[in-house]
Amino acid sequence: MITVAVVDDDRMLLDGLRAWLDNATGIRLTATADTVDGLIAAGPLCDVVLLDLVLRDASLPAENIRRLREAGSRVLVISAVADRRRIIAAVAAGADGYLTKDHDLPTLVNAVEEVAGGGTAHSAELAFAWAYDDAPARPSLSPKELEVLLGYASGLTLKATARRAGVSPHTAKYYLDRVKDKYQQAGRPTYTKIDLALRVREDGWAPDG
C-alpha cells in the first residue's frame, strides 16, 4: 500500500483528490494540508507527497521540495500551469515528477506508483520542458547550499541565514562561497548579494519563477 499526502490550498481540488484516491487500488490518502509546515507538523510523513507548486503562504517551491525530501517523502509536483522554467527548477530542487492538474486519475495513479518505486514520473510537460529549456546553465547545488542561497538572497543577514539553516555563520559563508564558485564554473560570475538574488530569479528558485 502506497501512502500519499497532498499539500494544496485549493479546497475543491483537495476534495476531488480525496474522492479520486478513495477509488484507487493500492494507494491510501493519509493526510492533506494547505502548507508544508502544516503537513510536517502533523507527521509522520508518507511515501509520496503531491505538492502544489505555488502556495498562498508565499513559501519557496524549491524549499518546500527540499523539506519534504529531507523528511523522508518523495515529491510529485502538481500545478495548474506547465511553465518550462518552473518545471526544470522543481526537478533540480529534488522533485520526482511534475504533472499539470488536468490529467485523469489513471495518469495520476501511474505517476504516484512510479515515484513511490524510486523512479521519475515522466509526463509530457516534463519532457517538453527538458527538450526546450532555454534557461542559462544552472549549477548543481546541494540541498544545504540551496537553502543558504535562498535565505541570503531573500535579504537575510548571514547570521540570520545561518540560524535559519541550522549552521554556524562560518559554515553558511562556506556554502555561499561554494555556490559562487559553482556559478563561476558555469560561466555566470556571481559576486554580490544582488548577483545572488538575480541568479535565484533567473534559475526559477523564486516563487514567481
C-alpha atoms as a PDB file:
ATOM      1  CA  MET A   1       0.000   0.000   0.000  1.00  0.00           C
ATOM      2  CA  ILE A   2       1.431   3.369  -1.064  1.00  0.00           C
ATOM      3  CA  THR A   3       0.654   6.160   1.387  1.00  0.00           C
ATOM      4  CA  VAL A   4       0.028   9.599  -0.107  1.00  0.00           C
ATOM      5  CA  ALA A   5      -0.419  13.114   1.293  1.00  0.00           C
ATOM      6  CA  VAL A   6      -1.484  16.275  -0.531  1.00  0.00           C
ATOM      7  CA  VAL A   7      -0.319  19.847   0.059  1.00  0.00           C
ATOM      8  CA  ASP A   8      -2.622  22.275  -1.741  1.00  0.00           C
ATOM      9  CA  ASP A   9      -4.606  25.342  -0.663  1.00  0.00           C
ATOM     10  CA  ASP A  10      -7.444  24.729  -3.137  1.00  0.00           C
ATOM     11  CA  ARG A  11     -10.215  23.091  -1.074  1.00  0.00           C
ATOM     12  CA  MET A  12     -12.160  21.957  -4.128  1.00  0.00           C
ATOM     13  CA  LEU A  13      -9.094  20.214  -5.529  1.00  0.00           C
ATOM     14  CA  LEU A  14      -8.420  18.528  -2.178  1.00  0.00           C
ATOM     15  CA  ASP A  15     -11.984  17.231  -2.045  1.00  0.00           C
ATOM     16  CA  GLY A  16     -11.676  15.984  -5.606  1.00  0.00           C
ATOM     17  CA  LEU A  17      -8.408  14.178  -4.899  1.00  0.00           C
ATOM     18  CA  ARG A  18      -9.919  12.516  -1.827  1.00  0.00           C
ATOM     19  CA  ALA A  19     -12.780  11.173  -3.931  1.00  0.00           C
ATOM     20  CA  TRP A  20     -10.404  10.050  -6.673  1.00  0.00           C
ATOM     21  CA  LEU A  21      -7.891   8.330  -4.432  1.00  0.00           C
ATOM     22  CA  ASP A  22     -10.603   6.544  -2.447  1.00  0.00           C
ATOM     23  CA  ASN A  23     -11.195   4.539  -5.627  1.00  0.00           C
ATOM     24  CA  ALA A  24      -7.524   3.871  -6.394  1.00  0.00           C
ATOM     25  CA  THR A  25      -6.265   0.360  -5.687  1.00  0.00           C
ATOM     26  CA  GLY A  26      -3.027   0.152  -3.714  1.00  0.00           C
ATOM     27  CA  ILE A  27      -2.952   3.849  -2.731  1.00  0.00           C
ATOM     28  CA  ARG A  28      -4.152   5.341   0.549  1.00  0.00           C
ATOM     29  CA  LEU A  29      -4.539   9.073   1.188  1.00  0.00           C
ATOM     30  CA  THR A  30      -3.301   9.662   4.727  1.00  0.00           C
ATOM     31  CA  ALA A  31      -3.185  13.460   5.115  1.00  0.00           C
ATOM     32  CA  THR A  32      -3.941  16.787   3.487  1.00  0.00           C
ATOM     33  CA  ALA A  33      -2.658  20.259   4.357  1.00  0.00           C
ATOM     34  CA  ASP A  34      -2.588  23.719   2.853  1.00  0.00           C
ATOM     35  CA  THR A  35       1.090  24.315   3.719  1.00  0.00           C
ATOM     36  CA  VAL A  36       4.229  22.209   4.011  1.00  0.00           C
ATOM     37  CA  ASP A  37       4.585  23.449   7.602  1.00  0.00           C
ATOM     38  CA  GLY A  38       1.154  22.050   8.382  1.00  0.00           C
ATOM     39  CA  LEU A  39       1.882  18.673   6.851  1.00  0.00           C
ATOM     40  CA  ILE A  40       5.248  18.268   8.556  1.00  0.00           C
ATOM     41  CA  ALA A  41       3.770  19.303  11.921  1.00  0.00           C
ATOM     42  CA  ALA A  42       1.103  16.609  11.552  1.00  0.00           C
ATOM     43  CA  GLY A  43       3.761  13.913  10.771  1.00  0.00           C
ATOM     44  CA  PRO A  44       4.898  11.286  10.231  1.00  0.00           C
ATOM     45  CA  LEU A  45       5.072  11.798   6.504  1.00  0.00           C
ATOM     46  CA  CYS A  46       4.084   9.307   3.836  1.00  0.00           C
ATOM     47  CA  ASP A  47       5.641   7.639   0.802  1.00  0.00           C
ATOM     48  CA  VAL A  48       4.658  10.317  -1.732  1.00  0.00           C
ATOM     49  CA  VAL A  49       3.541  13.931  -1.297  1.00  0.00           C
ATOM     50  CA  LEU A  50       1.503  15.591  -4.045  1.00  0.00           C
ATOM     51  CA  LEU A  51       2.728  19.181  -3.772  1.00  0.00           C
ATOM     52  CA  ASP A  52       1.101  22.208  -5.367  1.00  0.00           C
ATOM     53  CA  LEU A  53       3.933  24.264  -6.802  1.00  0.00           C
ATOM     54  CA  VAL A  54       2.771  27.738  -5.757  1.00  0.00           C
ATOM     55  CA  LEU A  55       1.011  28.097  -2.405  1.00  0.00           C
ATOM     56  CA  ARG A  56      -0.650  31.172  -0.966  1.00  0.00           C
ATOM     57  CA  ASP A  57       1.720  31.291   2.020  1.00  0.00           C
ATOM     58  CA  ALA A  58       4.427  32.540  -0.415  1.00  0.00           C
ATOM     59  CA  SER A  59       6.737  29.666   0.511  1.00  0.00           C
ATOM     60  CA  LEU A  60       9.520  28.923  -1.962  1.00  0.00           C
ATOM     61  CA  PRO A  61       8.775  25.878  -4.138  1.00  0.00           C
ATOM     62  CA  ALA A  62      12.395  24.689  -4.023  1.00  0.00           C
ATOM     63  CA  GLU A  63      12.494  24.907  -0.236  1.00  0.00           C
ATOM     64  CA  ASN A  64       9.169  23.069   0.095  1.00  0.00           C
ATOM     65  CA  ILE A  65      10.501  20.258  -2.072  1.00  0.00           C
ATOM     66  CA  ARG A  66      13.759  20.108  -0.122  1.00  0.00           C
ATOM     67  CA  ARG A  67      11.987  19.963   3.252  1.00  0.00           C
ATOM     68  CA  LEU A  68       9.670  17.179   2.171  1.00  0.00           C
ATOM     69  CA  ARG A  69      12.547  15.161   0.734  1.00  0.00           C
ATOM     70  CA  GLU A  70      14.586  15.641   3.908  1.00  0.00           C
ATOM     71  CA  ALA A  71      11.575  14.458   5.942  1.00  0.00           C
ATOM     72  CA  GLY A  72      11.654  11.192   4.005  1.00  0.00           C
ATOM     73  CA  SER A  73       8.915  11.586   1.390  1.00  0.00           C
ATOM     74  CA  ARG A  74       9.225  11.572  -2.358  1.00  0.00           C
ATOM     75  CA  VAL A  75       7.600  14.526  -4.106  1.00  0.00           C
ATOM     76  CA  LEU A  76       5.304  14.687  -7.121  1.00  0.00           C
ATOM     77  CA  VAL A  77       4.624  18.301  -8.048  1.00  0.00           C
ATOM     78  CA  ILE A  78       1.160  19.174  -9.325  1.00  0.00           C
ATOM     79  CA  SER A  79       0.433  22.545 -10.871  1.00  0.00           C
ATOM     80  CA  ALA A  80      -2.184  24.418 -12.846  1.00  0.00           C
ATOM     81  CA  VAL A  81       0.438  25.601 -15.338  1.00  0.00           C
ATOM     82  CA  ALA A  82       3.137  23.953 -17.450  1.00  0.00           C
ATOM     83  CA  ASP A  83       5.789  26.652 -17.190  1.00  0.00           C
ATOM     84  CA  ARG A  84       9.110  25.288 -18.514  1.00  0.00           C
ATOM     85  CA  ARG A  85      11.360  27.135 -16.112  1.00  0.00           C
ATOM     86  CA  ARG A  86       9.297  26.212 -13.072  1.00  0.00           C
ATOM     87  CA  ILE A  87       9.262  22.556 -14.110  1.00  0.00           C
ATOM     88  CA  ILE A  88      13.040  22.422 -14.516  1.00  0.00           C
ATOM     89  CA  ALA A  89      13.599  24.276 -11.238  1.00  0.00           C
ATOM     90  CA  ALA A  90      11.295  21.881  -9.379  1.00  0.00           C
ATOM     91  CA  VAL A  91      13.145  18.817 -10.667  1.00  0.00           C
ATOM     92  CA  ALA A  92      16.504  20.454  -9.946  1.00  0.00           C
ATOM     93  CA  ALA A  93      15.326  21.006  -6.354  1.00  0.00           C
ATOM     94  CA  GLY A  94      14.603  17.286  -5.967  1.00  0.00           C
ATOM     95  CA  ALA A  95      11.048  16.739  -7.221  1.00  0.00           C
ATOM     96  CA  ASP A  96      10.418  13.256  -8.595  1.00  0.00           C
ATOM     97  CA  GLY A  97       7.961  14.346 -11.259  1.00  0.00           C
ATOM     98  CA  TYR A  98       5.639  17.108 -12.454  1.00  0.00           C
ATOM     99  CA  LEU A  99       2.021  16.862 -13.555  1.00  0.00           C
ATOM    100  CA  THR A 100      -0.494  19.508 -14.519  1.00  0.00           C
ATOM    101  CA  LYS A 101      -3.866  19.335 -12.799  1.00  0.00           C
ATOM    102  CA  ASP A 102      -5.796  18.472 -15.956  1.00  0.00           C
ATOM    103  CA  HIS A 103      -4.626  14.831 -16.022  1.00  0.00           C
ATOM    104  CA  ASP A 104      -7.001  11.961 -15.276  1.00  0.00           C
ATOM    105  CA  LEU A 105      -6.920   9.535 -12.348  1.00  0.00           C
ATOM    106  CA  PRO A 106      -5.093   6.676 -14.144  1.00  0.00           C
ATOM    107  CA  THR A 107      -2.287   9.076 -15.120  1.00  0.00           C
ATOM    108  CA  LEU A 108      -2.018  10.328 -11.533  1.00  0.00           C
ATOM    109  CA  VAL A 109      -2.009   6.777 -10.125  1.00  0.00           C
ATOM    110  CA  ASN A 110       0.684   5.683 -12.579  1.00  0.00           C
ATOM    111  CA  ALA A 111       2.803   8.707 -11.633  1.00  0.00           C
ATOM    112  CA  VAL A 112       2.417   8.012  -7.907  1.00  0.00           C
ATOM    113  CA  GLU A 113       3.385   4.362  -8.398  1.00  0.00           C
ATOM    114  CA  GLU A 114       6.433   5.342 -10.452  1.00  0.00           C
ATOM    115  CA  VAL A 115       7.589   7.883  -7.881  1.00  0.00           C
ATOM    116  CA  ALA A 116       6.954   5.540  -4.929  1.00  0.00           C
ATOM    117  CA  GLY A 117       9.066   2.901  -6.672  1.00  0.00           C
ATOM    118  CA  GLY A 118      12.047   5.236  -6.829  1.00  0.00           C
ATOM    119  CA  GLY A 119      11.576   6.471 -10.374  1.00  0.00           C
ATOM    120  CA  THR A 120      10.668   9.768 -12.002  1.00  0.00           C
ATOM    121  CA  ALA A 121       7.195  10.483 -13.326  1.00  0.00           C
ATOM    122  CA  HIS A 122       7.977  11.385 -16.942  1.00  0.00           C
ATOM    123  CA  SER A 123       4.982  13.435 -18.037  1.00  0.00           C
ATOM    124  CA  ALA A 124       4.598  15.177 -21.382  1.00  0.00           C
ATOM    125  CA  GLU A 125       5.083  18.501 -19.577  1.00  0.00           C
ATOM    126  CA  LEU A 126       8.399  17.397 -18.106  1.00  0.00           C
ATOM    127  CA  ALA A 127       9.669  16.024 -21.413  1.00  0.00           C
ATOM    128  CA  PHE A 128       8.738  19.256 -23.197  1.00  0.00           C
ATOM    129  CA  ALA A 129      10.450  21.351 -20.517  1.00  0.00           C
ATOM    130  CA  TRP A 130      13.701  19.407 -20.814  1.00  0.00           C
ATOM    131  CA  ALA A 131      13.611  19.495 -24.599  1.00  0.00           C
ATOM    132  CA  TYR A 132      13.032  23.234 -24.874  1.00  0.00           C
ATOM    133  CA  ASP A 133      14.742  24.548 -21.758  1.00  0.00           C
ATOM    134  CA  ASP A 134      16.423  27.795 -22.761  1.00  0.00           C
ATOM    135  CA  ALA A 135      17.473  28.941 -19.299  1.00  0.00           C
ATOM    136  CA  PRO A 136      21.126  29.671 -18.571  1.00  0.00           C
ATOM    137  CA  ALA A 137      23.226  26.788 -17.260  1.00  0.00           C
ATOM    138  CA  ARG A 138      22.242  26.035 -13.671  1.00  0.00           C
ATOM    139  CA  PRO A 139      24.917  24.746 -11.315  1.00  0.00           C
ATOM    140  CA  SER A 140      24.085  21.633  -9.336  1.00  0.00           C
ATOM    141  CA  LEU A 141      23.546  22.771  -5.740  1.00  0.00           C
ATOM    142  CA  SER A 142      23.287  20.560  -2.682  1.00  0.00           C
ATOM    143  CA  PRO A 143      20.137  20.945  -0.537  1.00  0.00           C
ATOM    144  CA  LYS A 144      22.061  22.905   2.103  1.00  0.00           C
ATOM    145  CA  GLU A 145      23.746  25.140  -0.488  1.00  0.00           C
ATOM    146  CA  LEU A 146      20.345  25.910  -1.966  1.00  0.00           C
ATOM    147  CA  GLU A 147      18.845  26.612   1.458  1.00  0.00           C
ATOM    148  CA  VAL A 148      21.600  29.084   2.326  1.00  0.00           C
ATOM    149  CA  LEU A 149      21.407  30.707  -1.105  1.00  0.00           C
ATOM    150  CA  LEU A 150      17.643  31.218  -0.861  1.00  0.00           C
ATOM    151  CA  GLY A 151      17.834  32.627   2.650  1.00  0.00           C
ATOM    152  CA  TYR A 152      20.687  35.008   1.986  1.00  0.00           C
ATOM    153  CA  ALA A 153      19.383  36.136  -1.419  1.00  0.00           C
ATOM    154  CA  SER A 154      15.968  36.869   0.118  1.00  0.00           C
ATOM    155  CA  GLY A 155      17.548  39.651   2.173  1.00  0.00           C
ATOM    156  CA  LEU A 156      18.507  37.899   5.399  1.00  0.00           C
ATOM    157  CA  THR A 157      21.850  38.665   7.006  1.00  0.00           C
ATOM    158  CA  LEU A 158      24.496  35.962   7.003  1.00  0.00           C
ATOM    159  CA  LYS A 159      23.871  35.351  10.715  1.00  0.00           C
ATOM    160  CA  ALA A 160      20.084  35.064  10.213  1.00  0.00           C
ATOM    161  CA  THR A 161      20.617  32.800   7.207  1.00  0.00           C
ATOM    162  CA  ALA A 162      22.881  30.548   9.256  1.00  0.00           C
ATOM    163  CA  ARG A 163      20.398  30.401  12.132  1.00  0.00           C
ATOM    164  CA  ARG A 164      17.560  29.505   9.748  1.00  0.00           C
ATOM    165  CA  ALA A 165      19.659  26.756   8.125  1.00  0.00           C
ATOM    166  CA  GLY A 166      20.810  25.388  11.485  1.00  0.00           C
ATOM    167  CA  VAL A 167      24.518  26.006  10.846  1.00  0.00           C
ATOM    168  CA  SER A 168      27.171  28.417  12.067  1.00  0.00           C
ATOM    169  CA  PRO A 169      27.792  31.718  10.238  1.00  0.00           C
ATOM    170  CA  HIS A 170      31.196  30.344   9.234  1.00  0.00           C
ATOM    171  CA  THR A 171      29.561  27.287   7.664  1.00  0.00           C
ATOM    172  CA  ALA A 172      26.914  29.423   5.952  1.00  0.00           C
ATOM    173  CA  LYS A 173      29.688  31.528   4.407  1.00  0.00           C
ATOM    174  CA  TYR A 174      31.391  28.337   3.251  1.00  0.00           C
ATOM    175  CA  TYR A 175      28.171  27.267   1.478  1.00  0.00           C
ATOM    176  CA  LEU A 176      27.789  30.695  -0.149  1.00  0.00           C
ATOM    177  CA  ASP A 177      31.378  30.575  -1.356  1.00  0.00           C
ATOM    178  CA  ARG A 178      30.693  27.156  -2.877  1.00  0.00           C
ATOM    179  CA  VAL A 179      27.581  28.498  -4.604  1.00  0.00           C
ATOM    180  CA  LYS A 180      29.558  31.421  -6.049  1.00  0.00           C
ATOM    181  CA  ASP A 181      32.298  29.069  -7.197  1.00  0.00           C
ATOM    182  CA  LYS A 182      29.772  26.807  -8.941  1.00  0.00           C
ATOM    183  CA  TYR A 183      28.236  29.778 -10.740  1.00  0.00           C
ATOM    184  CA  GLN A 184      31.728  30.874 -11.762  1.00  0.00           C
ATOM    185  CA  GLN A 185      32.394  27.416 -13.223  1.00  0.00           C
ATOM    186  CA  ALA A 186      29.063  27.629 -15.079  1.00  0.00           C
ATOM    187  CA  GLY A 187      30.254  30.824 -16.743  1.00  0.00           C
ATOM    188  CA  ARG A 188      27.943  33.067 -14.718  1.00  0.00           C
ATOM    189  CA  PRO A 189      30.132  35.051 -12.298  1.00  0.00           C
ATOM    190  CA  THR A 190      28.300  35.917  -9.083  1.00  0.00           C
ATOM    191  CA  TYR A 191      29.916  38.199  -6.521  1.00  0.00           C
ATOM    192  CA  THR A 192      27.367  40.196  -4.501  1.00  0.00           C
ATOM    193  CA  LYS A 193      24.052  39.620  -2.723  1.00  0.00           C
ATOM    194  CA  ILE A 194      22.352  41.405  -5.630  1.00  0.00           C
ATOM    195  CA  ASP A 195      24.010  38.962  -8.034  1.00  0.00           C
ATOM    196  CA  LEU A 196      22.789  36.027  -5.934  1.00  0.00           C
ATOM    197  CA  ALA A 197      19.220  37.361  -5.893  1.00  0.00           C
ATOM    198  CA  LEU A 198      19.389  37.734  -9.674  1.00  0.00           C
ATOM    199  CA  ARG A 199      20.557  34.117 -10.077  1.00  0.00           C
ATOM    200  CA  VAL A 200      17.666  32.945  -7.877  1.00  0.00           C
ATOM    201  CA  ARG A 201      15.186  34.670 -10.197  1.00  0.00           C
ATOM    202  CA  GLU A 202      16.959  33.552 -13.382  1.00  0.00           C
ATOM    203  CA  ASP A 203      17.030  29.905 -12.334  1.00  0.00           C
ATOM    204  CA  GLY A 204      13.405  29.724 -11.221  1.00  0.00           C
ATOM    205  CA  TRP A 205      14.069  29.324  -7.498  1.00  0.00           C
ATOM    206  CA  ALA A 206      11.896  32.332  -6.585  1.00  0.00           C
ATOM    207  CA  PRO A 207       8.127  31.914  -6.058  1.00  0.00           C
ATOM    208  CA  ASP A 208       7.333  33.905  -9.210  1.00  0.00           C
ATOM    209  CA  GLY A 209       9.837  31.618 -11.022  1.00  0.00           C
END
